[in-house]
Amino acid sequence: MTVKTAEAVCIGHPDKLCDLIAETILDAHTQHDPLARVAVEVTAKAYEINIFGEITSAHAANLTECAGQALKVAGYNPAQFTVRVNVQAQSPEIGSGVDCSVEARSGDSSADAVLGAGDQGTVYGYATAETPKMLPAPLLIARDICRRLSQARESGTITGLLPDGKAQVSIRYQGDEPREITAVVVSAQHTESKSLDALRAEILERIIKPAARNFPLAADAIILINPAGSFIAGGPVADAGLTGRKLAVDTYGGLAAHGGGAFAGKDVSKVDRSAALLARQIAKSIVAANLAQEATVAISYAIGKASPVAFNITLDHASRAHESRLTEICETLFPLQPTAIINSLALRDVKFVRYASYGYFGYDASWEDHTTHARAIKERFAAGA
């Protein structure tokens, strides 16, 4: 028996507020200029928002208005915040390497070889058969708790809630199967007038129990709601916020590998975003083909080079004998060059702000579509391809 734990945060958490602002800025450019190059970072502290980075676009979005829009969506009053902007155009050296890949400069004139990777590094995709969404159960429950907290605040179902908050869920596993919840920790920001006892009772009945409906609570389960006591000062007033600091929350809850590259505020020429989405689709397709209970896909890139420098698939112990064969199949079946990834997943049509608050996986999105690829993988595997 093992115990696995994952965390999620609410939309008003200072780090996720910064991610929301960054994604709002990205979408504001790409909906007018699909080829815009965007790499923005955001910090938040007290009532000051700082936006900095690089943007090269035919459309000049109002970044202050973007920040205000995101603040409002997250549950804050934009009028209370000062927004400072320090943004320049993309470096010409980076731009030239992305616009004309190593392969293109060596004579490869194919369409997919033109665009080079926007950065170097390794991205990971993961899928597990333990839940229908092919994501770890503790992450899904923690995420659901945070979403329910935000919904209860917005609807007034629970009075006195404020935007910041987080949840942590631990589940006991028997082998690869999640069995029972052993611990739930919730910290929810609230008004000074809100009774802590009332808040705890309401969160238990209206948030935790509905979110954990598919798994029993262990006899010795620990449930802690605002264990530190009152949580009145929150958001960027209490803690500084920064884009990209909630990588585990954005992806697999810390229960799978992550290359370290953040998603928020980056256009799809950056492979730490686009290739990570493809890697998720590959992993999900393998699990959907019933060729593994768990799959991790690793793809490594060099800046300015279109084709990856390494591609590898790791499976659960029982399926390990299939790794080499599935690596060969998937390396030829899936588009691994940036242009091909962008086109196959229709990434230039995506509004990424939708995924900024509660993770990028497990929803209705092109990179979650595994049906066609799972069938192709299964057929090639059966044919000995």
Protein backbone atom coordinates (compact mmCIF):
# COMPACT_ATOMS: atom_id res chain seq x y z
CA MET A 1 0.00 0.00 0.00
CA THR A 2 1.27 3.46 -0.90
CA VAL A 3 -0.10 6.97 -0.41
CA LYS A 4 0.02 9.60 -3.16
CA THR A 5 -0.60 13.30 -2.60
CA ALA A 6 -1.37 16.20 -4.93
CA GLU A 7 -2.17 19.88 -4.50
CA ALA A 8 -4.28 22.42 -6.39
CA VAL A 9 -4.92 26.11 -5.89
CA CYS A 10 -7.83 28.50 -6.41
CA ILE A 11 -8.09 31.06 -9.20
CA GLY A 12 -7.19 33.87 -6.78
CA HIS A 13 -3.94 32.30 -5.57
CA PRO A 14 -1.22 34.90 -6.29
CA ASP A 15 0.79 32.61 -8.59
CA LYS A 16 -2.29 31.57 -10.56
CA LEU A 17 -3.40 35.19 -10.75
CA CYS A 18 -0.11 35.91 -12.53
CA ASP A 19 -0.66 32.95 -14.87
CA LEU A 20 -4.17 34.20 -15.63
CA ILE A 21 -2.86 37.67 -16.51
CA ALA A 22 -0.13 36.18 -18.73
CA GLU A 23 -2.59 33.96 -20.61
CA THR A 24 -5.01 36.87 -21.03
CA ILE A 25 -2.18 38.87 -22.62
CA LEU A 26 -1.23 35.95 -24.88
CA ASP A 27 -4.80 35.46 -26.12
CA ALA A 28 -5.28 39.20 -26.63
CA HIS A 29 -2.44 39.12 -29.16
CA THR A 30 -2.95 35.77 -30.87
CA GLN A 31 -6.69 36.24 -31.51
CA HIS A 32 -5.71 39.15 -33.79
CA ASP A 33 -2.28 37.91 -34.88
CA PRO A 34 -2.01 34.10 -34.77
CA LEU A 35 1.71 34.28 -35.52
CA ALA A 36 2.49 36.63 -32.63
CA ARG A 37 5.57 35.76 -30.58
CA VAL A 38 4.75 36.19 -26.91
CA ALA A 39 6.83 35.40 -23.83
CA VAL A 40 5.58 37.42 -20.88
CA GLU A 41 6.14 37.07 -17.16
CA VAL A 42 4.03 38.59 -14.42
CA THR A 43 4.69 39.32 -10.77
CA ALA A 44 2.20 40.46 -8.15
CA LYS A 45 2.86 41.87 -4.70
CA ALA A 46 0.54 43.94 -2.55
CA TYR A 47 -1.42 46.03 -5.05
CA GLU A 48 1.22 46.17 -7.76
CA ILE A 49 1.29 44.06 -10.92
CA ASN A 50 4.47 43.95 -13.02
CA ILE A 51 4.37 42.69 -16.60
CA PHE A 52 7.65 42.13 -18.41
CA GLY A 53 9.07 40.05 -21.23
CA GLU A 54 9.03 40.00 -25.03
CA ILE A 55 6.21 40.45 -27.54
CA THR A 56 6.53 40.70 -31.32
CA SER A 57 3.10 41.09 -32.89
CA ALA A 58 1.18 42.93 -35.58
CA HIS A 59 -1.41 43.68 -32.89
CA ALA A 60 -0.66 45.88 -29.88
CA ALA A 61 -2.93 44.80 -27.04
CA ASN A 62 -3.42 47.05 -24.03
CA LEU A 63 -1.55 45.12 -21.35
CA THR A 64 -2.95 47.19 -18.50
CA GLU A 65 -6.48 46.39 -19.64
CA CYS A 66 -5.56 42.71 -19.92
CA ALA A 67 -4.34 42.73 -16.32
CA GLY A 68 -7.51 44.45 -15.16
CA GLN A 69 -9.68 41.91 -16.96
CA ALA A 70 -7.83 39.00 -15.34
CA LEU A 71 -7.95 40.60 -11.88
CA LYS A 72 -11.71 40.93 -12.16
CA VAL A 73 -12.14 37.32 -13.30
CA ALA A 74 -10.02 36.16 -10.33
CA GLY A 75 -12.23 38.04 -7.88
CA TYR A 76 -10.15 41.15 -7.24
CA ASN A 77 -10.96 44.84 -7.74
CA PRO A 78 -8.75 46.11 -10.62
CA ALA A 79 -9.12 49.71 -9.40
CA GLN A 80 -7.00 48.85 -6.34
CA PHE A 81 -4.00 47.77 -8.42
CA THR A 82 -1.20 49.61 -10.17
CA VAL A 83 0.08 47.91 -13.32
CA ARG A 84 3.65 48.43 -14.53
CA VAL A 85 4.78 47.24 -17.97
CA ASN A 86 8.28 46.55 -19.28
CA VAL A 87 7.96 44.64 -22.56
CA GLN A 88 10.28 44.58 -25.57
CA ALA A 89 10.33 42.80 -28.94
CA GLN A 90 11.69 39.26 -29.19
CA SER A 91 15.47 38.99 -29.51
CA PRO A 92 16.45 38.96 -33.23
CA GLU A 93 18.83 36.06 -32.57
CA ILE A 94 16.08 33.92 -31.06
CA GLY A 95 13.62 35.04 -33.74
CA SER A 96 15.93 34.10 -36.62
CA GLY A 97 16.60 30.64 -35.18
CA VAL A 98 12.90 29.98 -34.76
CA ASP A 99 11.88 31.39 -38.16
CA CYS A 100 14.53 29.41 -40.03
CA SER A 101 15.47 26.11 -38.40
CA VAL A 102 18.79 24.30 -38.51
CA GLU A 103 17.22 21.89 -41.01
CA ALA A 104 15.94 24.69 -43.25
CA ARG A 105 19.36 26.34 -43.27
CA SER A 106 20.81 22.97 -44.29
CA GLY A 107 18.53 22.72 -47.33
CA ASP A 108 15.39 20.97 -46.02
CA SER A 109 12.56 22.86 -47.73
CA SER A 110 9.66 20.86 -46.29
CA ALA A 111 6.97 22.93 -44.59
CA ASP A 112 7.37 21.22 -41.21
CA ALA A 113 11.11 21.88 -41.13
CA VAL A 114 10.90 25.66 -41.46
CA LEU A 115 10.05 26.54 -37.85
CA GLY A 116 12.72 25.73 -35.29
CA ALA A 117 12.03 24.99 -31.63
CA GLY A 118 11.61 28.17 -29.61
CA ASP A 119 13.71 26.82 -26.75
CA GLN A 120 15.81 23.86 -25.68
CA GLY A 121 14.92 21.32 -23.04
CA THR A 122 12.86 18.22 -22.35
CA VAL A 123 9.08 18.10 -22.09
CA TYR A 124 7.05 15.29 -20.57
CA GLY A 125 3.60 13.89 -21.14
CA TYR A 126 1.86 11.50 -18.77
CA ALA A 127 -1.30 9.40 -18.59
CA THR A 128 -2.62 6.82 -16.16
CA ALA A 129 -5.52 4.39 -16.39
CA GLU A 130 -6.53 5.00 -12.77
CA THR A 131 -9.23 7.57 -13.70
CA PRO A 132 -11.40 8.21 -16.80
CA LYS A 133 -9.55 11.49 -17.40
CA MET A 134 -6.26 9.56 -17.29
CA LEU A 135 -4.93 11.82 -14.55
CA PRO A 136 -3.98 10.97 -10.95
CA ALA A 137 -6.99 10.77 -8.63
CA PRO A 138 -5.51 13.00 -5.87
CA LEU A 139 -4.95 15.80 -8.40
CA LEU A 140 -8.50 15.59 -9.78
CA ILE A 141 -10.07 15.76 -6.33
CA ALA A 142 -7.82 18.63 -5.16
CA ARG A 143 -8.60 20.52 -8.36
CA ASP A 144 -12.34 19.92 -7.91
CA ILE A 145 -12.22 21.22 -4.35
CA CYS A 146 -10.58 24.46 -5.50
CA ARG A 147 -13.02 24.94 -8.35
CA ARG A 148 -15.95 24.37 -6.00
CA LEU A 149 -14.53 26.91 -3.56
CA SER A 150 -14.38 29.53 -6.31
CA GLN A 151 -17.89 28.66 -7.49
CA ALA A 152 -19.23 28.89 -3.93
CA ARG A 153 -17.62 32.31 -3.56
CA GLU A 154 -19.01 33.60 -6.84
CA SER A 155 -22.53 32.24 -6.27
CA GLY A 156 -22.70 33.15 -2.59
CA THR A 157 -23.42 29.54 -1.64
CA ILE A 158 -20.82 30.00 1.08
CA THR A 159 -20.71 33.57 2.30
CA GLY A 160 -17.49 35.23 3.39
CA LEU A 161 -15.16 33.40 1.00
CA LEU A 162 -12.39 35.40 -0.72
CA PRO A 163 -10.40 34.50 -3.88
CA ASP A 164 -7.28 32.82 -2.48
CA GLY A 165 -7.17 29.19 -1.41
CA LYS A 166 -5.63 25.78 -1.93
CA ALA A 167 -6.34 22.10 -1.39
CA GLN A 168 -4.23 19.00 -0.85
CA VAL A 169 -5.50 15.43 -1.14
CA SER A 170 -3.82 12.14 -0.15
CA ILE A 171 -5.09 8.78 -1.41
CA ARG A 172 -4.04 5.29 -0.37
CA TYR A 173 -3.31 2.96 -3.29
CA GLN A 174 -3.34 -0.81 -3.49
CA GLY A 175 -1.00 -1.58 -6.34
CA ASP A 176 -1.96 0.85 -9.09
CA GLU A 177 -5.54 1.33 -7.88
CA PRO A 178 -6.61 4.32 -5.75
CA ARG A 179 -8.64 2.96 -2.84
CA GLU A 180 -9.44 5.52 -0.14
CA ILE A 181 -8.77 9.09 0.90
CA THR A 182 -6.41 9.35 3.84
CA ALA A 183 -6.11 13.14 4.15
CA VAL A 184 -7.68 16.34 2.88
CA VAL A 185 -6.23 19.75 3.66
CA VAL A 186 -8.07 22.90 2.61
CA SER A 187 -7.08 26.50 3.25
CA ALA A 188 -9.67 29.05 2.15
CA GLN A 189 -9.35 32.82 2.41
CA HIS A 190 -12.30 34.49 4.13
CA THR A 191 -13.61 37.80 5.44
CA GLU A 192 -12.84 38.92 8.98
CA SER A 193 -16.50 38.58 9.98
CA LYS A 194 -16.77 34.94 8.87
CA SER A 195 -16.95 32.46 11.74
CA LEU A 196 -14.15 29.93 11.38
CA ASP A 197 -16.35 27.17 12.81
CA ALA A 198 -19.11 27.94 10.31
CA LEU A 199 -16.62 28.10 7.45
CA ARG A 200 -15.16 24.69 8.35
CA ALA A 201 -18.59 23.08 8.58
CA GLU A 202 -19.73 24.54 5.25
CA ILE A 203 -16.55 23.57 3.41
CA LEU A 204 -16.76 20.02 4.72
CA GLU A 205 -20.39 19.52 3.69
CA ARG A 206 -20.60 21.62 0.53
CA ILE A 207 -17.10 21.33 -0.91
CA ILE A 208 -15.08 18.36 0.34
CA LYS A 209 -17.78 15.67 0.48
CA PRO A 210 -19.15 16.36 -3.03
CA ALA A 211 -15.63 16.55 -4.50
CA ALA A 212 -14.63 13.26 -2.83
CA ARG A 213 -17.87 11.44 -3.67
CA ASN A 214 -16.17 8.71 -5.76
CA PHE A 215 -13.72 7.59 -3.06
CA PRO A 216 -14.41 6.55 0.54
CA LEU A 217 -12.76 8.31 3.43
CA ALA A 218 -10.41 6.01 5.30
CA ALA A 219 -11.33 5.20 8.89
CA ASP A 220 -8.26 7.11 10.00
CA ALA A 221 -8.65 9.94 7.46
CA ILE A 222 -7.37 13.36 8.46
CA ILE A 223 -9.47 16.35 7.38
CA LEU A 224 -8.00 19.76 8.08
CA ILE A 225 -9.76 22.98 7.08
CA ASN A 226 -7.80 26.19 7.65
CA PRO A 227 -5.47 24.34 10.04
CA ALA A 228 -3.45 27.49 10.71
CA GLY A 229 -6.57 29.30 11.88
CA SER A 230 -7.94 32.44 10.27
CA PHE A 231 -6.94 33.19 6.64
CA ILE A 232 -8.02 36.80 6.11
CA ALA A 233 -5.00 38.34 4.37
CA GLY A 234 -4.49 36.48 1.10
CA GLY A 235 -3.66 36.86 -2.56
CA PRO A 236 -0.75 39.12 -3.49
CA VAL A 237 -1.26 41.17 -0.32
CA ALA A 238 -0.05 38.22 1.76
CA ASP A 239 2.30 36.48 -0.67
CA ALA A 240 4.10 37.47 -3.86
CA GLY A 241 2.87 35.89 -7.07
CA LEU A 242 4.90 34.78 -10.09
CA THR A 243 4.08 33.14 -13.42
CA GLY A 244 5.10 29.52 -13.86
CA ARG A 245 5.52 28.69 -10.19
CA LYS A 246 2.67 26.19 -10.10
CA LEU A 247 4.00 23.74 -12.69
CA ALA A 248 2.77 20.66 -10.81
CA VAL A 249 -0.70 22.16 -10.41
CA ASP A 250 -0.76 22.92 -14.15
CA THR A 251 0.23 19.40 -15.16
CA TYR A 252 0.19 16.18 -13.12
CA GLY A 253 0.18 17.24 -9.49
CA GLY A 254 3.82 16.35 -8.93
CA LEU A 255 3.00 12.67 -9.55
CA ALA A 256 4.76 12.57 -12.93
CA ALA A 257 7.86 14.11 -14.48
CA HIS A 258 7.95 17.75 -15.60
CA GLY A 259 10.69 19.40 -17.61
CA GLY A 260 10.52 22.70 -15.77
CA GLY A 261 9.21 24.87 -18.59
CA ALA A 262 6.11 26.88 -17.71
CA PHE A 263 3.13 27.25 -20.03
CA ALA A 264 1.51 30.57 -19.15
CA GLY A 265 2.25 33.57 -21.34
CA LYS A 266 4.10 31.65 -24.05
CA ASP A 267 3.02 31.39 -27.67
CA VAL A 268 2.93 27.96 -29.29
CA SER A 269 6.29 28.28 -31.05
CA LYS A 270 7.75 27.54 -27.60
CA VAL A 271 8.01 23.75 -27.43
CA ASP A 272 7.88 23.77 -23.63
CA ARG A 273 4.20 24.48 -24.25
CA SER A 274 3.28 22.94 -27.62
CA ALA A 275 5.39 19.78 -27.37
CA ALA A 276 4.26 19.19 -23.78
CA LEU A 277 0.68 19.17 -25.03
CA LEU A 278 1.60 16.70 -27.77
CA ALA A 279 3.44 14.51 -25.25
CA ARG A 280 0.26 14.35 -23.19
CA GLN A 281 -1.69 13.23 -26.28
CA ILE A 282 0.86 10.52 -27.03
CA ALA A 283 0.83 9.19 -23.45
CA LYS A 284 -2.95 9.25 -23.35
CA SER A 285 -3.19 7.42 -26.69
CA ILE A 286 -0.93 4.62 -25.44
CA VAL A 287 -3.02 4.11 -22.30
CA ALA A 288 -6.26 4.34 -24.31
CA ALA A 289 -4.93 1.62 -26.61
CA ASN A 290 -4.71 -0.65 -23.51
CA LEU A 291 -0.99 -1.16 -24.08
CA ALA A 292 -0.03 0.23 -20.68
CA GLN A 293 -1.59 1.29 -17.39
CA GLU A 294 0.78 4.23 -17.14
CA ALA A 295 2.85 6.04 -19.77
CA THR A 296 5.41 8.82 -19.67
CA VAL A 297 6.63 10.44 -22.90
CA ALA A 298 9.83 12.51 -22.97
CA ILE A 299 10.78 14.70 -25.94
CA SER A 300 13.98 16.76 -26.00
CA TYR A 301 14.62 19.77 -28.27
CA ALA A 302 17.42 22.15 -29.20
CA ILE A 303 16.61 25.81 -29.80
CA GLY A 304 16.39 26.57 -33.51
CA LYS A 305 16.17 22.89 -34.51
CA ALA A 306 12.87 21.50 -35.79
CA SER A 307 13.24 17.77 -35.09
CA PRO A 308 13.75 16.62 -31.49
CA VAL A 309 17.15 15.39 -30.41
CA ALA A 310 15.65 12.63 -28.27
CA PHE A 311 12.33 10.79 -27.92
CA ASN A 312 11.59 8.20 -25.27
CA ILE A 313 8.62 6.38 -23.75
CA THR A 314 8.56 4.85 -20.27
CA LEU A 315 5.75 2.52 -19.18
CA ASP A 316 4.60 0.92 -15.94
CA HIS A 317 6.54 -2.12 -14.80
CA ALA A 318 4.08 -4.67 -16.20
CA SER A 319 4.22 -3.08 -19.66
CA ARG A 320 7.95 -2.34 -19.76
CA ALA A 321 8.63 -4.91 -22.48
CA HIS A 322 6.61 -2.76 -24.92
CA GLU A 323 8.67 0.42 -24.43
CA SER A 324 11.11 0.09 -27.32
CA ARG A 325 8.43 -0.93 -29.79
CA LEU A 326 6.00 1.79 -28.79
CA THR A 327 8.78 4.38 -28.93
CA GLU A 328 9.45 3.41 -32.56
CA ILE A 329 5.74 3.44 -33.45
CA CYS A 330 4.97 6.78 -31.83
CA GLU A 331 8.10 8.49 -33.13
CA THR A 332 6.87 7.90 -36.67
CA LEU A 333 3.14 8.22 -36.04
CA PHE A 334 3.05 11.58 -34.26
CA PRO A 335 4.24 14.96 -35.63
CA LEU A 336 7.22 16.01 -33.53
CA GLN A 337 8.37 19.20 -35.31
CA PRO A 338 6.97 22.52 -34.01
CA THR A 339 5.04 23.44 -37.17
CA ALA A 340 3.51 19.97 -37.42
CA ILE A 341 2.58 19.96 -33.73
CA ILE A 342 0.92 23.37 -34.00
CA ASN A 343 -1.07 22.31 -37.06
CA SER A 344 -2.05 18.84 -35.83
CA LEU A 345 -3.37 20.19 -32.53
CA ALA A 346 -4.76 23.41 -34.09
CA LEU A 347 -2.95 25.35 -31.36
CA ARG A 348 -3.23 28.72 -33.05
CA ASP A 349 -7.00 28.51 -32.55
CA VAL A 350 -6.80 27.82 -28.81
CA LYS A 351 -7.75 30.40 -26.18
CA PHE A 352 -5.34 29.35 -23.45
CA VAL A 353 -6.86 31.53 -20.73
CA ARG A 354 -9.47 28.78 -20.34
CA TYR A 355 -6.83 26.48 -18.87
CA ALA A 356 -4.89 29.02 -16.80
CA SER A 357 -6.50 28.32 -13.43
CA TYR A 358 -7.18 24.60 -12.97
CA GLY A 359 -4.65 22.77 -15.11
CA TYR A 360 -4.12 22.18 -18.81
CA PHE A 361 -5.07 18.51 -18.91
CA GLY A 362 -8.29 16.58 -18.48
CA TYR A 363 -10.61 18.92 -20.39
CA ASP A 364 -12.13 19.13 -23.86
CA ALA A 365 -9.04 20.11 -25.85
CA SER A 366 -7.28 18.97 -29.01
CA TRP A 367 -4.36 17.48 -27.08
CA GLU A 368 -6.80 15.38 -25.04
CA ASP A 369 -8.23 13.71 -28.17
CA HIS A 370 -6.76 10.22 -28.26
CA THR A 371 -9.30 8.17 -30.24
CA THR A 372 -7.71 8.14 -33.71
CA HIS A 373 -4.15 7.78 -32.49
CA ALA A 374 -4.97 5.03 -29.98
CA ARG A 375 -6.51 2.98 -32.78
CA ALA A 376 -3.49 3.54 -35.04
CA ILE A 377 -1.03 2.61 -32.29
CA LYS A 378 -2.95 -0.55 -31.52
CA GLU A 379 -3.10 -1.58 -35.18
CA ARG A 380 0.62 -0.98 -35.76
CA PHE A 381 1.52 -2.76 -32.55
CA ALA A 382 -0.58 -5.77 -33.50
CA ALA A 383 0.93 -5.81 -37.00
CA GLY A 384 4.43 -5.77 -35.61
CA ALA A 385 5.13 -2.30 -37.09
